[in-house]
Amino acid sequence: MTALDLIEAIQAAVGRKGRVIRVPMALTRALALAGDVAGKALNRPMTLNSWRYAEMAAEGFVCRVDRMRQALGVTAAIGLKDGMARTAAWYRTAGWLPSA
Protein backbone atom coordinates (compact mmCIF):
# COMPACT_ATOMS: atom_id res chain seq x y z
CA MET A 1 0.00 0.00 0.00
CA THR A 2 1.34 3.42 -0.87
CA ALA A 3 0.58 6.77 0.73
CA LEU A 4 -1.56 7.56 -2.32
CA ASP A 5 -3.60 4.36 -1.79
CA LEU A 6 -4.26 5.45 1.78
CA ILE A 7 -5.22 8.98 0.73
CA GLU A 8 -7.63 7.64 -1.90
CA ALA A 9 -9.25 5.27 0.62
CA ILE A 10 -9.72 8.12 3.12
CA GLN A 11 -11.19 10.38 0.43
CA ALA A 12 -13.67 7.68 -0.58
CA ALA A 13 -14.64 7.04 3.05
CA VAL A 14 -15.29 10.68 3.92
CA GLY A 15 -16.83 11.52 0.54
CA ARG A 16 -14.48 14.38 -0.19
CA LYS A 17 -11.58 15.00 -2.50
CA GLY A 18 -8.33 16.33 -1.17
CA ARG A 19 -5.38 17.91 -2.81
CA VAL A 20 -1.86 16.62 -2.35
CA ILE A 21 0.58 19.47 -1.90
CA ARG A 22 4.17 18.43 -2.23
CA VAL A 23 6.44 20.14 0.28
CA PRO A 24 10.21 20.10 -0.22
CA MET A 25 11.93 17.85 2.32
CA ALA A 26 14.29 20.69 3.34
CA LEU A 27 11.29 22.77 4.39
CA THR A 28 9.73 19.76 6.11
CA ARG A 29 12.99 19.21 8.04
CA ALA A 30 13.04 22.86 9.15
CA LEU A 31 9.42 22.60 10.30
CA ALA A 32 10.24 19.38 12.17
CA LEU A 33 13.06 21.13 14.01
CA ALA A 34 10.66 23.97 14.86
CA GLY A 35 8.28 21.29 16.14
CA ASP A 36 11.04 19.98 18.42
CA VAL A 37 11.57 23.47 19.89
CA ALA A 38 7.82 24.07 20.31
CA GLY A 39 7.40 20.62 21.87
CA LYS A 40 10.05 21.36 24.48
CA ALA A 41 8.52 24.76 25.23
CA LEU A 42 5.00 23.33 25.54
CA ASN A 43 6.15 20.09 27.17
CA ARG A 44 4.28 17.92 24.68
CA PRO A 45 5.14 16.35 21.33
CA MET A 46 4.12 18.23 18.22
CA THR A 47 2.44 16.63 15.21
CA LEU A 48 5.59 17.23 13.18
CA ASN A 49 8.90 16.73 14.93
CA SER A 50 12.25 15.12 14.13
CA TRP A 51 11.00 11.64 14.97
CA ARG A 52 8.07 11.99 12.53
CA TYR A 53 10.36 13.56 9.95
CA ALA A 54 12.69 10.55 10.11
CA GLU A 55 9.69 8.29 9.54
CA MET A 56 8.51 10.35 6.53
CA ALA A 57 12.00 10.63 5.06
CA ALA A 58 12.74 6.90 5.21
CA GLU A 59 13.51 5.76 1.69
CA GLY A 60 10.86 3.46 0.26
CA PHE A 61 8.62 3.52 3.34
CA VAL A 62 5.39 1.74 2.50
CA CYS A 63 2.97 -0.41 4.43
CA ARG A 64 3.46 -3.98 3.27
CA VAL A 65 0.75 -6.31 4.48
CA ASP A 66 2.61 -9.32 3.09
CA ARG A 67 5.62 -8.50 5.30
CA MET A 68 3.34 -7.94 8.29
CA ARG A 69 1.80 -11.34 7.71
CA GLN A 70 5.21 -13.03 7.29
CA ALA A 71 6.95 -11.33 10.22
CA LEU A 72 4.11 -11.19 12.72
CA GLY A 73 1.58 -13.72 11.49
CA VAL A 74 -1.05 -10.96 11.37
CA THR A 75 -3.74 -10.95 8.71
CA ALA A 76 -6.12 -8.02 8.50
CA ALA A 77 -9.73 -8.97 9.22
CA ILE A 78 -11.08 -6.30 6.87
CA GLY A 79 -9.73 -4.50 3.82
CA LEU A 80 -8.49 -0.94 3.62
CA LYS A 81 -11.56 0.58 1.96
CA ASP A 82 -14.01 -1.14 4.31
CA GLY A 83 -11.85 -0.24 7.31
CA MET A 84 -11.72 3.41 6.28
CA ALA A 85 -15.49 3.45 5.69
CA ARG A 86 -16.07 2.02 9.18
CA THR A 87 -13.65 4.51 10.70
CA ALA A 88 -15.35 7.44 8.94
CA ALA A 89 -18.74 6.19 10.16
CA TRP A 90 -17.44 6.07 13.73
CA TYR A 91 -16.04 9.60 13.41
CA ARG A 92 -19.42 10.80 12.10
CA THR A 93 -21.25 9.14 15.00
CA ALA A 94 -18.81 10.75 17.46
CA GLY A 95 -19.41 14.14 15.83
CA TRP A 96 -15.84 14.49 14.59
CA LEU A 97 -16.84 14.40 10.91
CA PRO A 98 -19.82 16.05 9.25
CA SER A 99 -22.48 13.84 7.68
CA ALA A 100 -21.65 12.75 4.16
PDB file of N, CA and C in Angstrom:
ATOM      1  N   MET A   1       0.844  -1.156   0.000  1.00  0.00           N
ATOM      2  CA  MET A   1       0.000   0.000   0.000  1.00  0.00           C
ATOM      3  C   MET A   1       0.899   1.231   0.000  1.00  0.00           C
ATOM      4  N   THR A   2       0.571   2.178  -0.825  1.00  0.00           N
ATOM      5  CA  THR A   2       1.336   3.421  -0.867  1.00  0.00           C
ATOM      6  C   THR A   2       0.574   4.507  -0.117  1.00  0.00           C
ATOM      7  N   ALA A   3       1.242   5.624   0.099  1.00  0.00           N
ATOM      8  CA  ALA A   3       0.579   6.771   0.734  1.00  0.00           C
ATOM      9  C   ALA A   3      -0.607   7.220  -0.117  1.00  0.00           C
ATOM     10  N   LEU A   4      -0.472   7.170  -1.431  1.00  0.00           N
ATOM     11  CA  LEU A   4      -1.564   7.559  -2.318  1.00  0.00           C
ATOM     12  C   LEU A   4      -2.755   6.620  -2.181  1.00  0.00           C
ATOM     13  N   ASP A   5      -2.510   5.320  -2.025  1.00  0.00           N
ATOM     14  CA  ASP A   5      -3.596   4.356  -1.786  1.00  0.00           C
ATOM     15  C   ASP A   5      -4.372   4.727  -0.527  1.00  0.00           C
ATOM     16  N   LEU A   6      -3.635   5.070   0.514  1.00  0.00           N
ATOM     17  CA  LEU A   6      -4.260   5.446   1.781  1.00  0.00           C
ATOM     18  C   LEU A   6      -5.074   6.725   1.624  1.00  0.00           C
ATOM     19  N   ILE A   7      -4.519   7.713   0.956  1.00  0.00           N
ATOM     20  CA  ILE A   7      -5.223   8.984   0.727  1.00  0.00           C
ATOM     21  C   ILE A   7      -6.512   8.732  -0.056  1.00  0.00           C
ATOM     22  N   GLU A   8      -6.437   7.925  -1.088  1.00  0.00           N
ATOM     23  CA  GLU A   8      -7.629   7.642  -1.902  1.00  0.00           C
ATOM     24  C   GLU A   8      -8.692   6.910  -1.089  1.00  0.00           C
ATOM     25  N   ALA A   9      -8.291   5.991  -0.219  1.00  0.00           N
ATOM     26  CA  ALA A   9      -9.249   5.272   0.622  1.00  0.00           C
ATOM     27  C   ALA A   9      -9.917   6.219   1.617  1.00  0.00           C
ATOM     28  N   ILE A  10      -9.158   7.134   2.183  1.00  0.00           N
ATOM     29  CA  ILE A  10      -9.724   8.118   3.116  1.00  0.00           C
ATOM     30  C   ILE A  10     -10.696   9.035   2.384  1.00  0.00           C
ATOM     31  N   GLN A  11     -10.307   9.504   1.213  1.00  0.00           N
ATOM     32  CA  GLN A  11     -11.191  10.378   0.426  1.00  0.00           C
ATOM     33  C   GLN A  11     -12.511   9.688   0.115  1.00  0.00           C
ATOM     34  N   ALA A  12     -12.447   8.433  -0.267  1.00  0.00           N
ATOM     35  CA  ALA A  12     -13.666   7.683  -0.575  1.00  0.00           C
ATOM     36  C   ALA A  12     -14.526   7.524   0.671  1.00  0.00           C
ATOM     37  N   ALA A  13     -13.898   7.266   1.810  1.00  0.00           N
ATOM     38  CA  ALA A  13     -14.636   7.037   3.051  1.00  0.00           C
ATOM     39  C   ALA A  13     -15.338   8.300   3.550  1.00  0.00           C
ATOM     40  N   VAL A  14     -14.689   9.438   3.405  1.00  0.00           N
ATOM     41  CA  VAL A  14     -15.293  10.678   3.918  1.00  0.00           C
ATOM     42  C   VAL A  14     -16.115  11.398   2.853  1.00  0.00           C
ATOM     43  N   GLY A  15     -16.038  10.921   1.605  1.00  0.00           N
ATOM     44  CA  GLY A  15     -16.831  11.521   0.539  1.00  0.00           C
ATOM     45  C   GLY A  15     -16.349  12.879   0.095  1.00  0.00           C
ATOM     46  N   ARG A  16     -15.066  13.108   0.228  1.00  0.00           N
ATOM     47  CA  ARG A  16     -14.476  14.381  -0.185  1.00  0.00           C
ATOM     48  C   ARG A  16     -13.176  14.138  -0.930  1.00  0.00           C
ATOM     49  N   LYS A  17     -12.857  15.053  -1.796  1.00  0.00           N
ATOM     50  CA  LYS A  17     -11.582  14.999  -2.499  1.00  0.00           C
ATOM     51  C   LYS A  17     -10.607  15.921  -1.791  1.00  0.00           C
ATOM     52  N   GLY A  18      -9.383  15.512  -1.750  1.00  0.00           N
ATOM     53  CA  GLY A  18      -8.326  16.331  -1.172  1.00  0.00           C
ATOM     54  C   GLY A  18      -7.324  16.674  -2.246  1.00  0.00           C
ATOM     55  N   ARG A  19      -6.425  17.516  -1.880  1.00  0.00           N
ATOM     56  CA  ARG A  19      -5.383  17.912  -2.812  1.00  0.00           C
ATOM     57  C   ARG A  19      -4.040  17.613  -2.159  1.00  0.00           C
ATOM     58  N   VAL A  20      -3.190  16.920  -2.854  1.00  0.00           N
ATOM     59  CA  VAL A  20      -1.858  16.620  -2.346  1.00  0.00           C
ATOM     60  C   VAL A  20      -0.954  17.791  -2.707  1.00  0.00           C
ATOM     61  N   ILE A  21      -0.355  18.361  -1.692  1.00  0.00           N
ATOM     62  CA  ILE A  21       0.580  19.474  -1.900  1.00  0.00           C
ATOM     63  C   ILE A  21       1.960  18.975  -1.523  1.00  0.00           C
ATOM     64  N   ARG A  22       2.819  18.928  -2.484  1.00  0.00           N
ATOM     65  CA  ARG A  22       4.172  18.431  -2.232  1.00  0.00           C
ATOM     66  C   ARG A  22       4.996  19.541  -1.578  1.00  0.00           C
ATOM     67  N   VAL A  23       5.618  19.200  -0.478  1.00  0.00           N
ATOM     68  CA  VAL A  23       6.439  20.143   0.279  1.00  0.00           C
ATOM     69  C   VAL A  23       7.881  19.651   0.211  1.00  0.00           C
ATOM     70  N   PRO A  24       8.812  20.535  -0.157  1.00  0.00           N
ATOM     71  CA  PRO A  24      10.212  20.100  -0.221  1.00  0.00           C
ATOM     72  C   PRO A  24      10.679  19.552   1.131  1.00  0.00           C
ATOM     73  N   MET A  25      11.472  18.490   1.089  1.00  0.00           N
ATOM     74  CA  MET A  25      11.928  17.854   2.320  1.00  0.00           C
ATOM     75  C   MET A  25      12.770  18.801   3.172  1.00  0.00           C
ATOM     76  N   ALA A  26      13.498  19.730   2.555  1.00  0.00           N
ATOM     77  CA  ALA A  26      14.288  20.688   3.338  1.00  0.00           C
ATOM     78  C   ALA A  26      13.364  21.557   4.188  1.00  0.00           C
ATOM     79  N   LEU A  27      12.252  21.977   3.630  1.00  0.00           N
ATOM     80  CA  LEU A  27      11.285  22.771   4.392  1.00  0.00           C
ATOM     81  C   LEU A  27      10.630  21.913   5.473  1.00  0.00           C
ATOM     82  N   THR A  28      10.319  20.677   5.142  1.00  0.00           N
ATOM     83  CA  THR A  28       9.729  19.762   6.113  1.00  0.00           C
ATOM     84  C   THR A  28      10.691  19.537   7.280  1.00  0.00           C
ATOM     85  N   ARG A  29      11.971  19.393   6.988  1.00  0.00           N
ATOM     86  CA  ARG A  29      12.991  19.208   8.043  1.00  0.00           C
ATOM     87  C   ARG A  29      13.036  20.437   8.940  1.00  0.00           C
ATOM     88  N   ALA A  30      13.018  21.631   8.355  1.00  0.00           N
ATOM     89  CA  ALA A  30      13.040  22.865   9.147  1.00  0.00           C
ATOM     90  C   ALA A  30      11.800  22.949  10.045  1.00  0.00           C
ATOM     91  N   LEU A  31      10.651  22.584   9.510  1.00  0.00           N
ATOM     92  CA  LEU A  31       9.417  22.596  10.304  1.00  0.00           C
ATOM     93  C   LEU A  31       9.473  21.552  11.421  1.00  0.00           C
ATOM     94  N   ALA A  32      10.088  20.411  11.148  1.00  0.00           N
ATOM     95  CA  ALA A  32      10.238  19.375  12.173  1.00  0.00           C
ATOM     96  C   ALA A  32      11.120  19.879  13.313  1.00  0.00           C
ATOM     97  N   LEU A  33      12.192  20.568  12.974  1.00  0.00           N
ATOM     98  CA  LEU A  33      13.058  21.132  14.011  1.00  0.00           C
ATOM     99  C   LEU A  33      12.308  22.183  14.831  1.00  0.00           C
ATOM    100  N   ALA A  34      11.493  22.990  14.152  1.00  0.00           N
ATOM    101  CA  ALA A  34      10.660  23.966  14.860  1.00  0.00           C
ATOM    102  C   ALA A  34       9.671  23.238  15.773  1.00  0.00           C
ATOM    103  N   GLY A  35       9.165  22.102  15.320  1.00  0.00           N
ATOM    104  CA  GLY A  35       8.281  21.286  16.140  1.00  0.00           C
ATOM    105  C   GLY A  35       8.981  20.758  17.380  1.00  0.00           C
ATOM    106  N   ASP A  36      10.260  20.417  17.255  1.00  0.00           N
ATOM    107  CA  ASP A  36      11.036  19.984  18.423  1.00  0.00           C
ATOM    108  C   ASP A  36      11.131  21.103  19.457  1.00  0.00           C
ATOM    109  N   VAL A  37      11.442  22.314  18.987  1.00  0.00           N
ATOM    110  CA  VAL A  37      11.567  23.465  19.887  1.00  0.00           C
ATOM    111  C   VAL A  37      10.224  23.763  20.554  1.00  0.00           C
ATOM    112  N   ALA A  38       9.160  23.799  19.759  1.00  0.00           N
ATOM    113  CA  ALA A  38       7.822  24.066  20.311  1.00  0.00           C
ATOM    114  C   ALA A  38       7.414  22.973  21.293  1.00  0.00           C
ATOM    115  N   GLY A  39       7.735  21.733  20.984  1.00  0.00           N
ATOM    116  CA  GLY A  39       7.403  20.622  21.867  1.00  0.00           C
ATOM    117  C   GLY A  39       8.080  20.742  23.222  1.00  0.00           C
ATOM    118  N   LYS A  40       9.342  21.168  23.209  1.00  0.00           N
ATOM    119  CA  LYS A  40      10.049  21.359  24.481  1.00  0.00           C
ATOM    120  C   LYS A  40       9.438  22.518  25.261  1.00  0.00           C
ATOM    121  N   ALA A  41       9.102  23.594  24.558  1.00  0.00           N
ATOM    122  CA  ALA A  41       8.524  24.764  25.226  1.00  0.00           C
ATOM    123  C   ALA A  41       7.149  24.456  25.809  1.00  0.00           C
ATOM    124  N   LEU A  42       6.361  23.658  25.101  1.00  0.00           N
ATOM    125  CA  LEU A  42       5.003  23.334  25.543  1.00  0.00           C
ATOM    126  C   LEU A  42       4.930  22.046  26.357  1.00  0.00           C
ATOM    127  N   ASN A  43       6.062  21.357  26.434  1.00  0.00           N
ATOM    128  CA  ASN A  43       6.155  20.093  27.175  1.00  0.00           C
ATOM    129  C   ASN A  43       5.192  19.021  26.644  1.00  0.00           C
ATOM    130  N   ARG A  44       5.071  18.973  25.313  1.00  0.00           N
ATOM    131  CA  ARG A  44       4.281  17.918  24.677  1.00  0.00           C
ATOM    132  C   ARG A  44       4.766  17.754  23.242  1.00  0.00           C
ATOM    133  N   PRO A  45       4.664  16.557  22.701  1.00  0.00           N
ATOM    134  CA  PRO A  45       5.138  16.348  21.327  1.00  0.00           C
ATOM    135  C   PRO A  45       4.232  17.048  20.313  1.00  0.00           C
ATOM    136  N   MET A  46       4.851  17.580  19.307  1.00  0.00           N
ATOM    137  CA  MET A  46       4.124  18.234  18.221  1.00  0.00           C
ATOM    138  C   MET A  46       3.808  17.211  17.130  1.00  0.00           C
ATOM    139  N   THR A  47       2.819  17.528  16.304  1.00  0.00           N
ATOM    140  CA  THR A  47       2.438  16.634  15.210  1.00  0.00           C
ATOM    141  C   THR A  47       3.612  16.370  14.279  1.00  0.00           C
ATOM    142  N   LEU A  48       4.394  17.404  14.008  1.00  0.00           N
ATOM    143  CA  LEU A  48       5.592  17.233  13.178  1.00  0.00           C
ATOM    144  C   LEU A  48       6.798  17.549  14.041  1.00  0.00           C
ATOM    145  N   ASN A  49       7.656  16.564  14.193  1.00  0.00           N
ATOM    146  CA  ASN A  49       8.903  16.733  14.931  1.00  0.00           C
ATOM    147  C   ASN A  49       9.969  15.880  14.243  1.00  0.00           C
ATOM    148  N   SER A  50      11.156  15.852  14.791  1.00  0.00           N
ATOM    149  CA  SER A  50      12.253  15.122  14.134  1.00  0.00           C
ATOM    150  C   SER A  50      11.978  13.625  14.016  1.00  0.00           C
ATOM    151  N   TRP A  51      11.314  13.063  15.020  1.00  0.00           N
ATOM    152  CA  TRP A  51      10.998  11.638  14.967  1.00  0.00           C
ATOM    153  C   TRP A  51      10.056  11.348  13.795  1.00  0.00           C
ATOM    154  N   ARG A  52       9.011  12.183  13.643  1.00  0.00           N
ATOM    155  CA  ARG A  52       8.067  11.993  12.529  1.00  0.00           C
ATOM    156  C   ARG A  52       8.752  12.261  11.192  1.00  0.00           C
ATOM    157  N   TYR A  53       9.621  13.253  11.177  1.00  0.00           N
ATOM    158  CA  TYR A  53      10.359  13.556   9.945  1.00  0.00           C
ATOM    159  C   TYR A  53      11.177  12.345   9.511  1.00  0.00           C
ATOM    160  N   ALA A  54      11.870  11.721  10.451  1.00  0.00           N
ATOM    161  CA  ALA A  54      12.686  10.547  10.109  1.00  0.00           C
ATOM    162  C   ALA A  54      11.825   9.446   9.512  1.00  0.00           C
ATOM    163  N   GLU A  55      10.623   9.292  10.064  1.00  0.00           N
ATOM    164  CA  GLU A  55       9.694   8.290   9.538  1.00  0.00           C
ATOM    165  C   GLU A  55       9.271   8.636   8.107  1.00  0.00           C
ATOM    166  N   MET A  56       8.943   9.920   7.874  1.00  0.00           N
ATOM    167  CA  MET A  56       8.515  10.347   6.531  1.00  0.00           C
ATOM    168  C   MET A  56       9.647  10.287   5.520  1.00  0.00           C
ATOM    169  N   ALA A  57      10.866  10.560   5.974  1.00  0.00           N
ATOM    170  CA  ALA A  57      12.003  10.633   5.061  1.00  0.00           C
ATOM    171  C   ALA A  57      12.618   9.268   4.755  1.00  0.00           C
ATOM    172  N   ALA A  58      12.176   8.236   5.448  1.00  0.00           N
ATOM    173  CA  ALA A  58      12.740   6.898   5.215  1.00  0.00           C
ATOM    174  C   ALA A  58      12.516   6.497   3.759  1.00  0.00           C
ATOM    175  N   GLU A  59      13.589   6.114   3.098  1.00  0.00           N
ATOM    176  CA  GLU A  59      13.508   5.760   1.687  1.00  0.00           C
ATOM    177  C   GLU A  59      12.653   4.514   1.495  1.00  0.00           C
ATOM    178  N   GLY A  60      11.679   4.607   0.615  1.00  0.00           N
ATOM    179  CA  GLY A  60      10.858   3.463   0.261  1.00  0.00           C
ATOM    180  C   GLY A  60       9.892   3.026   1.338  1.00  0.00           C
ATOM    181  N   PHE A  61       9.545   3.905   2.279  1.00  0.00           N
ATOM    182  CA  PHE A  61       8.625   3.521   3.343  1.00  0.00           C
ATOM    183  C   PHE A  61       7.231   3.292   2.770  1.00  0.00           C
ATOM    184  N   VAL A  62       6.755   2.095   2.897  1.00  0.00           N
ATOM    185  CA  VAL A  62       5.388   1.736   2.502  1.00  0.00           C
ATOM    186  C   VAL A  62       4.871   0.703   3.490  1.00  0.00           C
ATOM    187  N   CYS A  63       3.574   0.605   3.586  1.00  0.00           N
ATOM    188  CA  CYS A  63       2.967  -0.413   4.430  1.00  0.00           C
ATOM    189  C   CYS A  63       2.838  -1.676   3.585  1.00  0.00           C
ATOM    190  N   ARG A  64       3.482  -2.732   4.007  1.00  0.00           N
ATOM    191  CA  ARG A  64       3.460  -3.983   3.268  1.00  0.00           C
ATOM    192  C   ARG A  64       2.743  -5.031   4.091  1.00  0.00           C
ATOM    193  N   VAL A  65       1.504  -5.327   3.722  1.00  0.00           N
ATOM    194  CA  VAL A  65       0.747  -6.311   4.483  1.00  0.00           C
ATOM    195  C   VAL A  65       1.337  -7.715   4.353  1.00  0.00           C
ATOM    196  N   ASP A  66       1.996  -8.003   3.230  1.00  0.00           N
ATOM    197  CA  ASP A  66       2.609  -9.320   3.092  1.00  0.00           C
ATOM    198  C   ASP A  66       3.762  -9.486   4.082  1.00  0.00           C
ATOM    199  N   ARG A  67       4.533  -8.430   4.310  1.00  0.00           N
ATOM    200  CA  ARG A  67       5.618  -8.502   5.297  1.00  0.00           C
ATOM    201  C   ARG A  67       5.062  -8.588   6.713  1.00  0.00           C
ATOM    202  N   MET A  68       3.972  -7.880   6.975  1.00  0.00           N
ATOM    203  CA  MET A  68       3.344  -7.942   8.286  1.00  0.00           C
ATOM    204  C   MET A  68       2.870  -9.371   8.569  1.00  0.00           C
ATOM    205  N   ARG A  69       2.296  -9.966   7.571  1.00  0.00           N
ATOM    206  CA  ARG A  69       1.801 -11.338   7.713  1.00  0.00           C
ATOM    207  C   ARG A  69       2.969 -12.297   7.944  1.00  0.00           C
ATOM    208  N   GLN A  70       4.052 -12.136   7.162  1.00  0.00           N
ATOM    209  CA  GLN A  70       5.213 -13.034   7.294  1.00  0.00           C
ATOM    210  C   GLN A  70       5.937 -12.842   8.627  1.00  0.00           C
ATOM    211  N   ALA A  71       6.161 -11.599   9.012  1.00  0.00           N
ATOM    212  CA  ALA A  71       6.951 -11.328  10.218  1.00  0.00           C
ATOM    213  C   ALA A  71       6.170 -11.527  11.504  1.00  0.00           C
ATOM    214  N   LEU A  72       4.893 -11.168  11.484  1.00  0.00           N
ATOM    215  CA  LEU A  72       4.105 -11.190  12.716  1.00  0.00           C
ATOM    216  C   LEU A  72       2.978 -12.210  12.721  1.00  0.00           C
ATOM    217  N   GLY A  73       2.688 -12.780  11.565  1.00  0.00           N
ATOM    218  CA  GLY A  73       1.579 -13.717  11.486  1.00  0.00           C
ATOM    219  C   GLY A  73       0.224 -13.034  11.573  1.00  0.00           C
ATOM    220  N   VAL A  74       0.182 -11.742  11.259  1.00  0.00           N
ATOM    221  CA  VAL A  74      -1.050 -10.961  11.365  1.00  0.00           C
ATOM    222  C   VAL A  74      -1.696 -10.841   9.994  1.00  0.00           C
ATOM    223  N   THR A  75      -2.975 -11.128   9.934  1.00  0.00           N
ATOM    224  CA  THR A  75      -3.744 -10.947   8.714  1.00  0.00           C
ATOM    225  C   THR A  75      -4.907 -10.026   9.037  1.00  0.00           C
ATOM    226  N   ALA A  76      -5.045  -8.982   8.258  1.00  0.00           N
ATOM    227  CA  ALA A  76      -6.121  -8.022   8.497  1.00  0.00           C
ATOM    228  C   ALA A  76      -7.480  -8.692   8.339  1.00  0.00           C
ATOM    229  N   ALA A  77      -8.387  -8.388   9.262  1.00  0.00           N
ATOM    230  CA  ALA A  77      -9.729  -8.974   9.219  1.00  0.00           C
ATOM    231  C   ALA A  77     -10.603  -8.294   8.178  1.00  0.00           C
ATOM    232  N   ILE A  78     -10.319  -7.037   7.881  1.00  0.00           N
ATOM    233  CA  ILE A  78     -11.082  -6.296   6.869  1.00  0.00           C
ATOM    234  C   ILE A  78     -10.118  -5.543   5.968  1.00  0.00           C
ATOM    235  N   GLY A  79     -10.564  -5.212   4.776  1.00  0.00           N
ATOM    236  CA  GLY A  79      -9.735  -4.502   3.819  1.00  0.00           C
ATOM    237  C   GLY A  79      -9.640  -3.012   4.115  1.00  0.00           C
ATOM    238  N   LEU A  80      -8.740  -2.362   3.412  1.00  0.00           N
ATOM    239  CA  LEU A  80      -8.485  -0.939   3.616  1.00  0.00           C
ATOM    240  C   LEU A  80      -9.729  -0.092   3.394  1.00  0.00           C
ATOM    241  N   LYS A  81     -10.399  -0.270   2.264  1.00  0.00           N
ATOM    242  CA  LYS A  81     -11.560   0.576   1.956  1.00  0.00           C
ATOM    243  C   LYS A  81     -12.682   0.375   2.969  1.00  0.00           C
ATOM    244  N   ASP A  82     -12.961  -0.873   3.325  1.00  0.00           N
ATOM    245  CA  ASP A  82     -14.011  -1.140   4.314  1.00  0.00           C
ATOM    246  C   ASP A  82     -13.609  -0.589   5.678  1.00  0.00           C
ATOM    247  N   GLY A  83     -12.347  -0.755   6.038  1.00  0.00           N
ATOM    248  CA  GLY A  83     -11.853  -0.236   7.312  1.00  0.00           C
ATOM    249  C   GLY A  83     -11.959   1.274   7.387  1.00  0.00           C
ATOM    250  N   MET A  84     -11.615   1.943   6.305  1.00  0.00           N
ATOM    251  CA  MET A  84     -11.724   3.406   6.281  1.00  0.00           C
ATOM    252  C   MET A  84     -13.187   3.842   6.336  1.00  0.00           C
ATOM    253  N   ALA A  85     -14.053   3.113   5.654  1.00  0.00           N
ATOM    254  CA  ALA A  85     -15.486   3.446   5.693  1.00  0.00           C
ATOM    255  C   ALA A  85     -16.028   3.294   7.111  1.00  0.00           C
ATOM    256  N   ARG A  86     -15.628   2.224   7.797  1.00  0.00           N
ATOM    257  CA  ARG A  86     -16.072   2.019   9.179  1.00  0.00           C
ATOM    258  C   ARG A  86     -15.512   3.105  10.105  1.00  0.00           C
ATOM    259  N   THR A  87     -14.269   3.464   9.888  1.00  0.00           N
ATOM    260  CA  THR A  87     -13.649   4.509  10.700  1.00  0.00           C
ATOM    261  C   THR A  87     -14.358   5.839  10.494  1.00  0.00           C
ATOM    262  N   ALA A  88     -14.643   6.184   9.241  1.00  0.00           N
ATOM    263  CA  ALA A  88     -15.348   7.436   8.944  1.00  0.00           C
ATOM    264  C   ALA A  88     -16.735   7.430   9.578  1.00  0.00           C
ATOM    265  N   ALA A  89     -17.411   6.294   9.535  1.00  0.00           N
ATOM    266  CA  ALA A  89     -18.742   6.191  10.160  1.00  0.00           C
ATOM    267  C   ALA A  89     -18.639   6.428  11.661  1.00  0.00           C
ATOM    268  N   TRP A  90     -17.635   5.864  12.291  1.00  0.00           N
ATOM    269  CA  TRP A  90     -17.441   6.069  13.728  1.00  0.00           C
ATOM    270  C   TRP A  90     -17.187   7.548  14.026  1.00  0.00           C
ATOM    271  N   TYR A  91     -16.333   8.178  13.218  1.00  0.00           N
ATOM    272  CA  TYR A  91     -16.039   9.598  13.412  1.00  0.00           C
ATOM    273  C   TYR A  91     -17.304  10.446  13.249  1.00  0.00           C
ATOM    274  N   ARG A  92     -18.153  10.070  12.286  1.00  0.00           N
ATOM    275  CA  ARG A  92     -19.421  10.799  12.102  1.00  0.00           C
ATOM    276  C   ARG A  92     -20.326  10.636  13.334  1.00  0.00           C
ATOM    277  N   THR A  93     -20.431   9.418  13.835  1.00  0.00           N
ATOM    278  CA  THR A  93     -21.250   9.137  15.005  1.00  0.00           C
ATOM    279  C   THR A  93     -20.723   9.925  16.220  1.00  0.00           C
ATOM    280  N   ALA A  94     -19.417  10.029  16.347  1.00  0.00           N
ATOM    281  CA  ALA A  94     -18.806  10.749  17.461  1.00  0.00           C
ATOM    282  C   ALA A  94     -18.876  12.262  17.274  1.00  0.00           C
ATOM    283  N   GLY A  95     -19.315  12.718  16.082  1.00  0.00           N
ATOM    284  CA  GLY A  95     -19.407  14.144  15.832  1.00  0.00           C
ATOM    285  C   GLY A  95     -18.099  14.788  15.381  1.00  0.00           C
ATOM    286  N   TRP A  96     -17.132  13.968  15.020  1.00  0.00           N
ATOM    287  CA  TRP A  96     -15.843  14.493  14.588  1.00  0.00           C
ATOM    288  C   TRP A  96     -15.764  14.711  13.085  1.00  0.00           C
ATOM    289  N   LEU A  97     -16.745  14.206  12.354  1.00  0.00           N
ATOM    290  CA  LEU A  97     -16.840  14.395  10.907  1.00  0.00           C
ATOM    291  C   LEU A  97     -18.267  14.787  10.576  1.00  0.00           C
ATOM    292  N   PRO A  98     -18.446  15.720   9.634  1.00  0.00           N
ATOM    293  CA  PRO A  98     -19.824  16.051   9.249  1.00  0.00           C
ATOM    294  C   PRO A  98     -20.458  14.905   8.464  1.00  0.00           C
ATOM    295  N   SER A  99     -21.768  14.876   8.439  1.00  0.00           N
ATOM    296  CA  SER A  99     -22.484  13.844   7.679  1.00  0.00           C
ATOM    297  C   SER A  99     -22.114  13.936   6.215  1.00  0.00           C
ATOM    298  N   ALA A 100     -22.068  12.795   5.574  1.00  0.00           N
ATOM    299  CA  ALA A 100     -21.650  12.748   4.157  1.00  0.00           C
ATOM    300  C   ALA A 100     -22.662  13.376   3.245  1.00  0.00           C
TER     301      ALA A 100
END
